[in-house]
Each structure stands twice: as structure tokens, then as C-alpha cells.
ModelCIF file with pLDDT and N, C-alpha, C, O atoms, coordinates in Angstrom:
data_MODEL
#
_entry.id   MODEL 
#
_entity.id                         1 
_entity.type                       polymer 
_entity.pdbx_number_of_molecules   1 
#
_entity_poly.entity_id                      1 
_entity_poly.type                           'polypeptide(L)' 
_entity_poly.nstd_linkage                   no 
_entity_poly.nstd_monomer                   no 
_entity_poly.pdbx_seq_one_letter_code       DIPLLFPFSAAPLGVAYARLGRFDEGLSLLARAAEKAAEMKRMVDAPL 
_entity_poly.pdbx_seq_one_letter_code_can   DIPLLFPFSAAPLGVAYARLGRFDEGLSLLARAAEKAAEMKRMVDAPL 
_entity_poly.pdbx_strand_id                 A 
#
loop_
_entity_poly_seq.entity_id 
_entity_poly_seq.num 
_entity_poly_seq.mon_id 
_entity_poly_seq.hetero 
1 1  ASP n 
1 2  ILE n 
1 3  PRO n 
1 4  LEU n 
1 5  LEU n 
1 6  PHE n 
1 7  PRO n 
1 8  PHE n 
1 9  SER n 
1 10 ALA n 
1 11 ALA n 
1 12 PRO n 
1 13 LEU n 
1 14 GLY n 
1 15 VAL n 
1 16 ALA n 
1 17 TYR n 
1 18 ALA n 
1 19 ARG n 
1 20 LEU n 
1 21 GLY n 
1 22 ARG n 
1 23 PHE n 
1 24 ASP n 
1 25 GLU n 
1 26 GLY n 
1 27 LEU n 
1 28 SER n 
1 29 LEU n 
1 30 LEU n 
1 31 ALA n 
1 32 ARG n 
1 33 ALA n 
1 34 ALA n 
1 35 GLU n 
1 36 LYS n 
1 37 ALA n 
1 38 ALA n 
1 39 GLU n 
1 40 MET n 
1 41 LYS n 
1 42 ARG n 
1 43 MET n 
1 44 VAL n 
1 45 ASP n 
1 46 ALA n 
1 47 PRO n 
1 48 LEU n 
#
_struct_asym.id          A 
_struct_asym.entity_id   1 
#
loop_
_ma_qa_metric.id 
_ma_qa_metric.mode 
_ma_qa_metric.name 
_ma_qa_metric.software_group_id 
_ma_qa_metric.type 
1 global pLDDT . pLDDT 
2 local  pLDDT . pLDDT 
#
_ma_qa_metric_global.metric_id      1 
_ma_qa_metric_global.metric_value   92.50 
_ma_qa_metric_global.model_id       1 
_ma_qa_metric_global.ordinal_id     1 
#
loop_
_ma_qa_metric_local.label_asym_id 
_ma_qa_metric_local.label_comp_id 
_ma_qa_metric_local.label_seq_id 
_ma_qa_metric_local.metric_id 
_ma_qa_metric_local.metric_value 
_ma_qa_metric_local.model_id 
_ma_qa_metric_local.ordinal_id 
A ASP 1  2 93.00 1 1  
A ILE 2  2 94.00 1 2  
A PRO 3  2 92.00 1 3  
A LEU 4  2 91.00 1 4  
A LEU 5  2 93.00 1 5  
A PHE 6  2 95.00 1 6  
A PRO 7  2 93.00 1 7  
A PHE 8  2 93.00 1 8  
A SER 9  2 96.00 1 9  
A ALA 10 2 96.00 1 10 
A ALA 11 2 95.00 1 11 
A PRO 12 2 96.00 1 12 
A LEU 13 2 98.00 1 13 
A GLY 14 2 97.00 1 14 
A VAL 15 2 97.00 1 15 
A ALA 16 2 98.00 1 16 
A TYR 17 2 98.00 1 17 
A ALA 18 2 97.00 1 18 
A ARG 19 2 97.00 1 19 
A LEU 20 2 98.00 1 20 
A GLY 21 2 97.00 1 21 
A ARG 22 2 97.00 1 22 
A PHE 23 2 96.00 1 23 
A ASP 24 2 95.00 1 24 
A GLU 25 2 96.00 1 25 
A GLY 26 2 97.00 1 26 
A LEU 27 2 96.00 1 27 
A SER 28 2 96.00 1 28 
A LEU 29 2 96.00 1 29 
A LEU 30 2 95.00 1 30 
A ALA 31 2 94.00 1 31 
A ARG 32 2 94.00 1 32 
A ALA 33 2 93.00 1 33 
A ALA 34 2 89.00 1 34 
A GLU 35 2 91.00 1 35 
A LYS 36 2 90.00 1 36 
A ALA 37 2 87.00 1 37 
A ALA 38 2 86.00 1 38 
A GLU 39 2 89.00 1 39 
A MET 40 2 86.00 1 40 
A LYS 41 2 84.00 1 41 
A ARG 42 2 77.00 1 42 
A MET 43 2 78.00 1 43 
A VAL 44 2 79.00 1 44 
A ASP 45 2 84.00 1 45 
A ALA 46 2 88.00 1 46 
A PRO 47 2 92.00 1 47 
A LEU 48 2 91.00 1 48 
#
loop_
_atom_site.group_PDB 
_atom_site.id 
_atom_site.type_symbol 
_atom_site.label_atom_id 
_atom_site.label_alt_id 
_atom_site.label_comp_id 
_atom_site.label_asym_id 
_atom_site.label_entity_id 
_atom_site.label_seq_id 
_atom_site.pdbx_PDB_ins_code 
_atom_site.Cartn_x 
_atom_site.Cartn_y 
_atom_site.Cartn_z 
_atom_site.occupancy 
_atom_site.B_iso_or_equiv 
_atom_site.pdbx_formal_charge 
_atom_site.auth_seq_id 
_atom_site.auth_comp_id 
_atom_site.auth_asym_id 
_atom_site.auth_atom_id 
_atom_site.pdbx_PDB_model_num 
ATOM 1   N N  . ASP A 1 1  ? 0.823  -1.213 0.000   1.00 93.00 ? 1  ASP A N  1 
ATOM 2   C CA . ASP A 1 1  ? 0.000  0.000  0.000   1.00 93.00 ? 1  ASP A CA 1 
ATOM 3   C C  . ASP A 1 1  ? 0.860  1.268  0.000   1.00 93.00 ? 1  ASP A C  1 
ATOM 4   O O  . ASP A 1 1  ? 0.866  2.043  0.956   1.00 93.00 ? 1  ASP A O  1 
ATOM 5   N N  . ILE A 1 2  ? 1.586  1.449  -1.108  1.00 94.00 ? 2  ILE A N  1 
ATOM 6   C CA . ILE A 1 2  ? 2.436  2.629  -1.304  1.00 94.00 ? 2  ILE A CA 1 
ATOM 7   C C  . ILE A 1 2  ? 1.869  3.415  -2.487  1.00 94.00 ? 2  ILE A C  1 
ATOM 8   O O  . ILE A 1 2  ? 2.423  3.352  -3.585  1.00 94.00 ? 2  ILE A O  1 
ATOM 9   N N  . PRO A 1 3  ? 0.778  4.152  -2.282  1.00 92.00 ? 3  PRO A N  1 
ATOM 10  C CA . PRO A 1 3  ? 0.128  4.831  -3.399  1.00 92.00 ? 3  PRO A CA 1 
ATOM 11  C C  . PRO A 1 3  ? 1.025  5.835  -4.128  1.00 92.00 ? 3  PRO A C  1 
ATOM 12  O O  . PRO A 1 3  ? 0.843  6.079  -5.320  1.00 92.00 ? 3  PRO A O  1 
ATOM 13  N N  . LEU A 1 4  ? 1.976  6.407  -3.424  1.00 91.00 ? 4  LEU A N  1 
ATOM 14  C CA . LEU A 1 4  ? 2.883  7.372  -4.039  1.00 91.00 ? 4  LEU A CA 1 
ATOM 15  C C  . LEU A 1 4  ? 3.609  6.785  -5.247  1.00 91.00 ? 4  LEU A C  1 
ATOM 16  O O  . LEU A 1 4  ? 3.837  7.482  -6.236  1.00 91.00 ? 4  LEU A O  1 
ATOM 17  N N  . LEU A 1 5  ? 3.970  5.511  -5.169  1.00 93.00 ? 5  LEU A N  1 
ATOM 18  C CA . LEU A 1 5  ? 4.721  4.876  -6.250  1.00 93.00 ? 5  LEU A CA 1 
ATOM 19  C C  . LEU A 1 5  ? 3.847  4.226  -7.318  1.00 93.00 ? 5  LEU A C  1 
ATOM 20  O O  . LEU A 1 5  ? 4.354  3.800  -8.356  1.00 93.00 ? 5  LEU A O  1 
ATOM 21  N N  . PHE A 1 6  ? 2.537  4.147  -7.076  1.00 95.00 ? 6  PHE A N  1 
ATOM 22  C CA . PHE A 1 6  ? 1.684  3.451  -8.042  1.00 95.00 ? 6  PHE A CA 1 
ATOM 23  C C  . PHE A 1 6  ? 1.852  3.994  -9.466  1.00 95.00 ? 6  PHE A C  1 
ATOM 24  O O  . PHE A 1 6  ? 2.094  3.208  -10.382 1.00 95.00 ? 6  PHE A O  1 
ATOM 25  N N  . PRO A 1 7  ? 1.734  5.308  -9.684  1.00 93.00 ? 7  PRO A N  1 
ATOM 26  C CA . PRO A 1 7  ? 1.880  5.790  -11.068 1.00 93.00 ? 7  PRO A CA 1 
ATOM 27  C C  . PRO A 1 7  ? 3.251  5.510  -11.673 1.00 93.00 ? 7  PRO A C  1 
ATOM 28  O O  . PRO A 1 7  ? 3.365  5.288  -12.878 1.00 93.00 ? 7  PRO A O  1 
ATOM 29  N N  . PHE A 1 8  ? 4.290  5.520  -10.844 1.00 93.00 ? 8  PHE A N  1 
ATOM 30  C CA . PHE A 1 8  ? 5.647  5.319  -11.331 1.00 93.00 ? 8  PHE A CA 1 
ATOM 31  C C  . PHE A 1 8  ? 5.912  3.862  -11.720 1.00 93.00 ? 8  PHE A C  1 
ATOM 32  O O  . PHE A 1 8  ? 6.858  3.576  -12.454 1.00 93.00 ? 8  PHE A O  1 
ATOM 33  N N  . SER A 1 9  ? 5.087  2.956  -11.234 1.00 96.00 ? 9  SER A N  1 
ATOM 34  C CA . SER A 1 9  ? 5.192  1.549  -11.619 1.00 96.00 ? 9  SER A CA 1 
ATOM 35  C C  . SER A 1 9  ? 4.171  1.196  -12.696 1.00 96.00 ? 9  SER A C  1 
ATOM 36  O O  . SER A 1 9  ? 4.493  0.513  -13.668 1.00 96.00 ? 9  SER A O  1 
ATOM 37  N N  . ALA A 1 10 ? 2.941  1.666  -12.516 1.00 96.00 ? 10 ALA A N  1 
ATOM 38  C CA . ALA A 1 10 ? 1.851  1.282  -13.422 1.00 96.00 ? 10 ALA A CA 1 
ATOM 39  C C  . ALA A 1 10 ? 1.979  1.903  -14.809 1.00 96.00 ? 10 ALA A C  1 
ATOM 40  O O  . ALA A 1 10 ? 1.718  1.231  -15.806 1.00 96.00 ? 10 ALA A O  1 
ATOM 41  N N  . ALA A 1 11 ? 2.377  3.173  -14.891 1.00 95.00 ? 11 ALA A N  1 
ATOM 42  C CA . ALA A 1 11 ? 2.440  3.832  -16.200 1.00 95.00 ? 11 ALA A CA 1 
ATOM 43  C C  . ALA A 1 11 ? 3.470  3.185  -17.129 1.00 95.00 ? 11 ALA A C  1 
ATOM 44  O O  . ALA A 1 11 ? 3.132  2.859  -18.267 1.00 95.00 ? 11 ALA A O  1 
ATOM 45  N N  . PRO A 1 12 ? 4.714  2.988  -16.686 1.00 96.00 ? 12 PRO A N  1 
ATOM 46  C CA . PRO A 1 12 ? 5.652  2.331  -17.607 1.00 96.00 ? 12 PRO A CA 1 
ATOM 47  C C  . PRO A 1 12 ? 5.269  0.873  -17.891 1.00 96.00 ? 12 PRO A C  1 
ATOM 48  O O  . PRO A 1 12 ? 5.527  0.364  -18.982 1.00 96.00 ? 12 PRO A O  1 
ATOM 49  N N  . LEU A 1 13 ? 4.657  0.207  -16.913 1.00 98.00 ? 13 LEU A N  1 
ATOM 50  C CA . LEU A 1 13 ? 4.197  -1.163 -17.164 1.00 98.00 ? 13 LEU A CA 1 
ATOM 51  C C  . LEU A 1 13 ? 3.102  -1.157 -18.225 1.00 98.00 ? 13 LEU A C  1 
ATOM 52  O O  . LEU A 1 13 ? 3.058  -2.037 -19.085 1.00 98.00 ? 13 LEU A O  1 
ATOM 53  N N  . GLY A 1 14 ? 2.228  -0.174 -18.160 1.00 97.00 ? 14 GLY A N  1 
ATOM 54  C CA . GLY A 1 14 ? 1.164  -0.069 -19.164 1.00 97.00 ? 14 GLY A CA 1 
ATOM 55  C C  . GLY A 1 14 ? 1.704  0.059  -20.575 1.00 97.00 ? 14 GLY A C  1 
ATOM 56  O O  . GLY A 1 14 ? 1.220  -0.614 -21.485 1.00 97.00 ? 14 GLY A O  1 
ATOM 57  N N  . VAL A 1 15 ? 2.695  0.908  -20.770 1.00 97.00 ? 15 VAL A N  1 
ATOM 58  C CA . VAL A 1 15 ? 3.245  1.067  -22.122 1.00 97.00 ? 15 VAL A CA 1 
ATOM 59  C C  . VAL A 1 15 ? 4.059  -0.164 -22.520 1.00 97.00 ? 15 VAL A C  1 
ATOM 60  O O  . VAL A 1 15 ? 4.100  -0.517 -23.698 1.00 97.00 ? 15 VAL A O  1 
ATOM 61  N N  . ALA A 1 16 ? 4.704  -0.820 -21.560 1.00 98.00 ? 16 ALA A N  1 
ATOM 62  C CA . ALA A 1 16 ? 5.420  -2.067 -21.882 1.00 98.00 ? 16 ALA A CA 1 
ATOM 63  C C  . ALA A 1 16 ? 4.432  -3.129 -22.364 1.00 98.00 ? 16 ALA A C  1 
ATOM 64  O O  . ALA A 1 16 ? 4.696  -3.837 -23.336 1.00 98.00 ? 16 ALA A O  1 
ATOM 65  N N  . TYR A 1 17 ? 3.290  -3.232 -21.674 1.00 98.00 ? 17 TYR A N  1 
ATOM 66  C CA . TYR A 1 17 ? 2.252  -4.167 -22.126 1.00 98.00 ? 17 TYR A CA 1 
ATOM 67  C C  . TYR A 1 17 ? 1.813  -3.830 -23.553 1.00 98.00 ? 17 TYR A C  1 
ATOM 68  O O  . TYR A 1 17 ? 1.680  -4.718 -24.395 1.00 98.00 ? 17 TYR A O  1 
ATOM 69  N N  . ALA A 1 18 ? 1.592  -2.552 -23.813 1.00 97.00 ? 18 ALA A N  1 
ATOM 70  C CA . ALA A 1 18 ? 1.154  -2.141 -25.158 1.00 97.00 ? 18 ALA A CA 1 
ATOM 71  C C  . ALA A 1 18 ? 2.212  -2.490 -26.200 1.00 97.00 ? 18 ALA A C  1 
ATOM 72  O O  . ALA A 1 18 ? 1.877  -2.925 -27.302 1.00 97.00 ? 18 ALA A O  1 
ATOM 73  N N  . ARG A 1 19 ? 3.476  -2.303 -25.861 1.00 97.00 ? 19 ARG A N  1 
ATOM 74  C CA . ARG A 1 19 ? 4.559  -2.647 -26.790 1.00 97.00 ? 19 ARG A CA 1 
ATOM 75  C C  . ARG A 1 19 ? 4.577  -4.141 -27.105 1.00 97.00 ? 19 ARG A C  1 
ATOM 76  O O  . ARG A 1 19 ? 5.073  -4.560 -28.151 1.00 97.00 ? 19 ARG A O  1 
ATOM 77  N N  . LEU A 1 20 ? 4.030  -4.939 -26.183 1.00 98.00 ? 20 LEU A N  1 
ATOM 78  C CA . LEU A 1 20 ? 3.954  -6.391 -26.393 1.00 98.00 ? 20 LEU A CA 1 
ATOM 79  C C  . LEU A 1 20 ? 2.602  -6.818 -26.966 1.00 98.00 ? 20 LEU A C  1 
ATOM 80  O O  . LEU A 1 20 ? 2.310  -8.012 -27.040 1.00 98.00 ? 20 LEU A O  1 
ATOM 81  N N  . GLY A 1 21 ? 1.781  -5.851 -27.370 1.00 97.00 ? 21 GLY A N  1 
ATOM 82  C CA . GLY A 1 21 ? 0.489  -6.157 -27.976 1.00 97.00 ? 21 GLY A CA 1 
ATOM 83  C C  . GLY A 1 21 ? -0.639 -6.358 -26.983 1.00 97.00 ? 21 GLY A C  1 
ATOM 84  O O  . GLY A 1 21 ? -1.738 -6.743 -27.380 1.00 97.00 ? 21 GLY A O  1 
ATOM 85  N N  . ARG A 1 22 ? -0.404 -6.113 -25.728 1.00 97.00 ? 22 ARG A N  1 
ATOM 86  C CA . ARG A 1 22 ? -1.417 -6.276 -24.680 1.00 97.00 ? 22 ARG A CA 1 
ATOM 87  C C  . ARG A 1 22 ? -2.086 -4.920 -24.440 1.00 97.00 ? 22 ARG A C  1 
ATOM 88  O O  . ARG A 1 22 ? -1.950 -4.319 -23.374 1.00 97.00 ? 22 ARG A O  1 
ATOM 89  N N  . PHE A 1 23 ? -2.820 -4.453 -25.476 1.00 96.00 ? 23 PHE A N  1 
ATOM 90  C CA . PHE A 1 23 ? -3.336 -3.085 -25.490 1.00 96.00 ? 23 PHE A CA 1 
ATOM 91  C C  . PHE A 1 23 ? -4.343 -2.791 -24.385 1.00 96.00 ? 23 PHE A C  1 
ATOM 92  O O  . PHE A 1 23 ? -4.241 -1.760 -23.720 1.00 96.00 ? 23 PHE A O  1 
ATOM 93  N N  . ASP A 1 24 ? -5.310 -3.676 -24.180 1.00 95.00 ? 24 ASP A N  1 
ATOM 94  C CA . ASP A 1 24 ? -6.333 -3.412 -23.163 1.00 95.00 ? 24 ASP A CA 1 
ATOM 95  C C  . ASP A 1 24 ? -5.724 -3.290 -21.775 1.00 95.00 ? 24 ASP A C  1 
ATOM 96  O O  . ASP A 1 24 ? -6.039 -2.358 -21.034 1.00 95.00 ? 24 ASP A O  1 
ATOM 97  N N  . GLU A 1 25 ? -4.852 -4.231 -21.419 1.00 96.00 ? 25 GLU A N  1 
ATOM 98  C CA . GLU A 1 25 ? -4.184 -4.183 -20.117 1.00 96.00 ? 25 GLU A CA 1 
ATOM 99  C C  . GLU A 1 25 ? -3.341 -2.909 -19.989 1.00 96.00 ? 25 GLU A C  1 
ATOM 100 O O  . GLU A 1 25 ? -3.354 -2.233 -18.960 1.00 96.00 ? 25 GLU A O  1 
ATOM 101 N N  . GLY A 1 26 ? -2.623 -2.608 -21.045 1.00 97.00 ? 26 GLY A N  1 
ATOM 102 C CA . GLY A 1 26 ? -1.740 -1.445 -21.019 1.00 97.00 ? 26 GLY A CA 1 
ATOM 103 C C  . GLY A 1 26 ? -2.499 -0.143 -20.866 1.00 97.00 ? 26 GLY A C  1 
ATOM 104 O O  . GLY A 1 26 ? -2.157 0.692  -20.029 1.00 97.00 ? 26 GLY A O  1 
ATOM 105 N N  . LEU A 1 27 ? -3.532 0.029  -21.678 1.00 96.00 ? 27 LEU A N  1 
ATOM 106 C CA . LEU A 1 27 ? -4.308 1.274  -21.606 1.00 96.00 ? 27 LEU A CA 1 
ATOM 107 C C  . LEU A 1 27 ? -5.036 1.403  -20.276 1.00 96.00 ? 27 LEU A C  1 
ATOM 108 O O  . LEU A 1 27 ? -5.174 2.504  -19.743 1.00 96.00 ? 27 LEU A O  1 
ATOM 109 N N  . SER A 1 28 ? -5.499 0.284  -19.742 1.00 96.00 ? 28 SER A N  1 
ATOM 110 C CA . SER A 1 28 ? -6.163 0.314  -18.437 1.00 96.00 ? 28 SER A CA 1 
ATOM 111 C C  . SER A 1 28 ? -5.198 0.763  -17.345 1.00 96.00 ? 28 SER A C  1 
ATOM 112 O O  . SER A 1 28 ? -5.545 1.610  -16.521 1.00 96.00 ? 28 SER A O  1 
ATOM 113 N N  . LEU A 1 29 ? -3.997 0.206  -17.333 1.00 96.00 ? 29 LEU A N  1 
ATOM 114 C CA . LEU A 1 29 ? -3.002 0.592  -16.328 1.00 96.00 ? 29 LEU A CA 1 
ATOM 115 C C  . LEU A 1 29 ? -2.588 2.049  -16.481 1.00 96.00 ? 29 LEU A C  1 
ATOM 116 O O  . LEU A 1 29 ? -2.436 2.762  -15.489 1.00 96.00 ? 29 LEU A O  1 
ATOM 117 N N  . LEU A 1 30 ? -2.408 2.487  -17.711 1.00 95.00 ? 30 LEU A N  1 
ATOM 118 C CA . LEU A 1 30 ? -2.038 3.882  -17.952 1.00 95.00 ? 30 LEU A CA 1 
ATOM 119 C C  . LEU A 1 30 ? -3.121 4.836  -17.454 1.00 95.00 ? 30 LEU A C  1 
ATOM 120 O O  . LEU A 1 30 ? -2.813 5.872  -16.864 1.00 95.00 ? 30 LEU A O  1 
ATOM 121 N N  . ALA A 1 31 ? -4.378 4.493  -17.688 1.00 94.00 ? 31 ALA A N  1 
ATOM 122 C CA . ALA A 1 31 ? -5.481 5.338  -17.214 1.00 94.00 ? 31 ALA A CA 1 
ATOM 123 C C  . ALA A 1 31 ? -5.523 5.357  -15.689 1.00 94.00 ? 31 ALA A C  1 
ATOM 124 O O  . ALA A 1 31 ? -5.720 6.411  -15.083 1.00 94.00 ? 31 ALA A O  1 
ATOM 125 N N  . ARG A 1 32 ? -5.339 4.196  -15.071 1.00 94.00 ? 32 ARG A N  1 
ATOM 126 C CA . ARG A 1 32 ? -5.341 4.137  -13.594 1.00 94.00 ? 32 ARG A CA 1 
ATOM 127 C C  . ARG A 1 32 ? -4.180 4.935  -13.011 1.00 94.00 ? 32 ARG A C  1 
ATOM 128 O O  . ARG A 1 32 ? -4.337 5.607  -11.991 1.00 94.00 ? 32 ARG A O  1 
ATOM 129 N N  . ALA A 1 33 ? -3.025 4.866  -13.648 1.00 93.00 ? 33 ALA A N  1 
ATOM 130 C CA . ALA A 1 33 ? -1.859 5.620  -13.173 1.00 93.00 ? 33 ALA A CA 1 
ATOM 131 C C  . ALA A 1 33 ? -2.134 7.118  -13.213 1.00 93.00 ? 33 ALA A C  1 
ATOM 132 O O  . ALA A 1 33 ? -1.845 7.836  -12.256 1.00 93.00 ? 33 ALA A O  1 
ATOM 133 N N  . ALA A 1 34 ? -2.693 7.583  -14.324 1.00 89.00 ? 34 ALA A N  1 
ATOM 134 C CA . ALA A 1 34 ? -3.002 9.017  -14.454 1.00 89.00 ? 34 ALA A CA 1 
ATOM 135 C C  . ALA A 1 34 ? -4.052 9.437  -13.431 1.00 89.00 ? 34 ALA A C  1 
ATOM 136 O O  . ALA A 1 34 ? -3.957 10.513 -12.839 1.00 89.00 ? 34 ALA A O  1 
ATOM 137 N N  . GLU A 1 35 ? -5.050 8.586  -13.228 1.00 91.00 ? 35 GLU A N  1 
ATOM 138 C CA . GLU A 1 35 ? -6.111 8.881  -12.259 1.00 91.00 ? 35 GLU A CA 1 
ATOM 139 C C  . GLU A 1 35 ? -5.559 8.970  -10.837 1.00 91.00 ? 35 GLU A C  1 
ATOM 140 O O  . GLU A 1 35 ? -5.877 9.904  -10.101 1.00 91.00 ? 35 GLU A O  1 
ATOM 141 N N  . LYS A 1 36 ? -4.736 8.002  -10.455 1.00 90.00 ? 36 LYS A N  1 
ATOM 142 C CA . LYS A 1 36 ? -4.154 7.988  -9.103  1.00 90.00 ? 36 LYS A CA 1 
ATOM 143 C C  . LYS A 1 36 ? -3.233 9.186  -8.897  1.00 90.00 ? 36 LYS A C  1 
ATOM 144 O O  . LYS A 1 36 ? -3.239 9.799  -7.829  1.00 90.00 ? 36 LYS A O  1 
ATOM 145 N N  . ALA A 1 37 ? -2.447 9.518  -9.910  1.00 87.00 ? 37 ALA A N  1 
ATOM 146 C CA . ALA A 1 37 ? -1.552 10.672 -9.796  1.00 87.00 ? 37 ALA A CA 1 
ATOM 147 C C  . ALA A 1 37 ? -2.358 11.959 -9.619  1.00 87.00 ? 37 ALA A C  1 
ATOM 148 O O  . ALA A 1 37 ? -1.998 12.816 -8.812  1.00 87.00 ? 37 ALA A O  1 
ATOM 149 N N  . ALA A 1 38 ? -3.442 12.091 -10.370 1.00 86.00 ? 38 ALA A N  1 
ATOM 150 C CA . ALA A 1 38 ? -4.290 13.290 -10.247 1.00 86.00 ? 38 ALA A CA 1 
ATOM 151 C C  . ALA A 1 38 ? -4.935 13.368 -8.869  1.00 86.00 ? 38 ALA A C  1 
ATOM 152 O O  . ALA A 1 38 ? -5.028 14.445 -8.282  1.00 86.00 ? 38 ALA A O  1 
ATOM 153 N N  . GLU A 1 39 ? -5.382 12.220 -8.353  1.00 89.00 ? 39 GLU A N  1 
ATOM 154 C CA . GLU A 1 39 ? -5.978 12.196 -7.005  1.00 89.00 ? 39 GLU A CA 1 
ATOM 155 C C  . GLU A 1 39 ? -4.997 12.688 -5.953  1.00 89.00 ? 39 GLU A C  1 
ATOM 156 O O  . GLU A 1 39 ? -5.381 13.370 -5.003  1.00 89.00 ? 39 GLU A O  1 
ATOM 157 N N  . MET A 1 40 ? -3.731 12.339 -6.128  1.00 86.00 ? 40 MET A N  1 
ATOM 158 C CA . MET A 1 40 ? -2.697 12.733 -5.164  1.00 86.00 ? 40 MET A CA 1 
ATOM 159 C C  . MET A 1 40 ? -2.101 14.100 -5.493  1.00 86.00 ? 40 MET A C  1 
ATOM 160 O O  . MET A 1 40 ? -1.234 14.601 -4.777  1.00 86.00 ? 40 MET A O  1 
ATOM 161 N N  . LYS A 1 41 ? -2.586 14.701 -6.601  1.00 84.00 ? 41 LYS A N  1 
ATOM 162 C CA . LYS A 1 41 ? -2.010 15.950 -7.105  1.00 84.00 ? 41 LYS A CA 1 
ATOM 163 C C  . LYS A 1 41 ? -0.505 15.790 -7.349  1.00 84.00 ? 41 LYS A C  1 
ATOM 164 O O  . LYS A 1 41 ? 0.291  16.690 -7.081  1.00 84.00 ? 41 LYS A O  1 
ATOM 165 N N  . ARG A 1 42 ? -0.152 14.628 -7.859  1.00 77.00 ? 42 ARG A N  1 
ATOM 166 C CA . ARG A 1 42 ? 1.232  14.249 -8.127  1.00 77.00 ? 42 ARG A CA 1 
ATOM 167 C C  . ARG A 1 42 ? 1.484  14.424 -9.618  1.00 77.00 ? 42 ARG A C  1 
ATOM 168 O O  . ARG A 1 42 ? 1.145  13.542 -10.408 1.00 77.00 ? 42 ARG A O  1 
ATOM 169 N N  . MET A 1 43 ? 2.071  15.540 -10.012 1.00 78.00 ? 43 MET A N  1 
ATOM 170 C CA . MET A 1 43 ? 2.209  15.844 -11.424 1.00 78.00 ? 43 MET A CA 1 
ATOM 171 C C  . MET A 1 43 ? 3.604  15.547 -11.991 1.00 78.00 ? 43 MET A C  1 
ATOM 172 O O  . MET A 1 43 ? 3.835  15.719 -13.188 1.00 78.00 ? 43 MET A O  1 
ATOM 173 N N  . VAL A 1 44 ? 4.529  15.104 -11.139 1.00 79.00 ? 44 VAL A N  1 
ATOM 174 C CA . VAL A 1 44 ? 5.852  14.741 -11.636 1.00 79.00 ? 44 VAL A CA 1 
ATOM 175 C C  . VAL A 1 44 ? 5.691  13.633 -12.676 1.00 79.00 ? 44 VAL A C  1 
ATOM 176 O O  . VAL A 1 44 ? 5.058  12.613 -12.404 1.00 79.00 ? 44 VAL A O  1 
ATOM 177 N N  . ASP A 1 45 ? 6.245  13.825 -13.831 1.00 84.00 ? 45 ASP A N  1 
ATOM 178 C CA . ASP A 1 45 ? 6.208  12.873 -14.945 1.00 84.00 ? 45 ASP A CA 1 
ATOM 179 C C  . ASP A 1 45 ? 4.841  12.776 -15.636 1.00 84.00 ? 45 ASP A C  1 
ATOM 180 O O  . ASP A 1 45 ? 4.674  11.934 -16.518 1.00 84.00 ? 45 ASP A O  1 
ATOM 181 N N  . ALA A 1 46 ? 3.870  13.598 -15.269 1.00 88.00 ? 46 ALA A N  1 
ATOM 182 C CA . ALA A 1 46 ? 2.553  13.521 -15.913 1.00 88.00 ? 46 ALA A CA 1 
ATOM 183 C C  . ALA A 1 46 ? 2.651  13.646 -17.441 1.00 88.00 ? 46 ALA A C  1 
ATOM 184 O O  . ALA A 1 46 ? 1.973  12.892 -18.139 1.00 88.00 ? 46 ALA A O  1 
ATOM 185 N N  . PRO A 1 47 ? 3.461  14.560 -17.994 1.00 92.00 ? 47 PRO A N  1 
ATOM 186 C CA . PRO A 1 47 ? 3.583  14.597 -19.458 1.00 92.00 ? 47 PRO A CA 1 
ATOM 187 C C  . PRO A 1 47 ? 4.162  13.309 -20.037 1.00 92.00 ? 47 PRO A C  1 
ATOM 188 O O  . PRO A 1 47 ? 3.790  12.899 -21.136 1.00 92.00 ? 47 PRO A O  1 
ATOM 189 N N  . LEU A 1 48 ? 5.066  12.676 -19.304 1.00 91.00 ? 48 LEU A N  1 
ATOM 190 C CA . LEU A 1 48 ? 5.636  11.407 -19.765 1.00 91.00 ? 48 LEU A CA 1 
ATOM 191 C C  . LEU A 1 48 ? 4.558  10.329 -19.802 1.00 91.00 ? 48 LEU A C  1 
ATOM 192 O O  . LEU A 1 48 ? 4.840  9.187  -20.165 1.00 91.00 ? 48 LEU A O  1 
#
């Protein structure tokens, strides 16, 4: 339960999944990462 790190793990994992053709999983993780970061007002790396 380390929510601070969730976007930093989930976002790159999401794009890695997409690079391997796992689009639904990847896009879902990327959306969750952006949502969690916004909830925490954590904007570091948001453009990335």
C-alpha cells in the first residue's frame, strides 16, 4: 500500500504491455496511473 509509487510503476508497465500487444491491459493501467496521480495531485512525470 504505497500509493505514491503506483503511477511510477503502473504507467511504464502499461506502455510495456502495449509494446507487447497487450493493449487493453496497457491502456487500463495507464489510465489508472493518471487517475491515481491526479488524485494525489502528483504531477511529476505527468507529461511522460
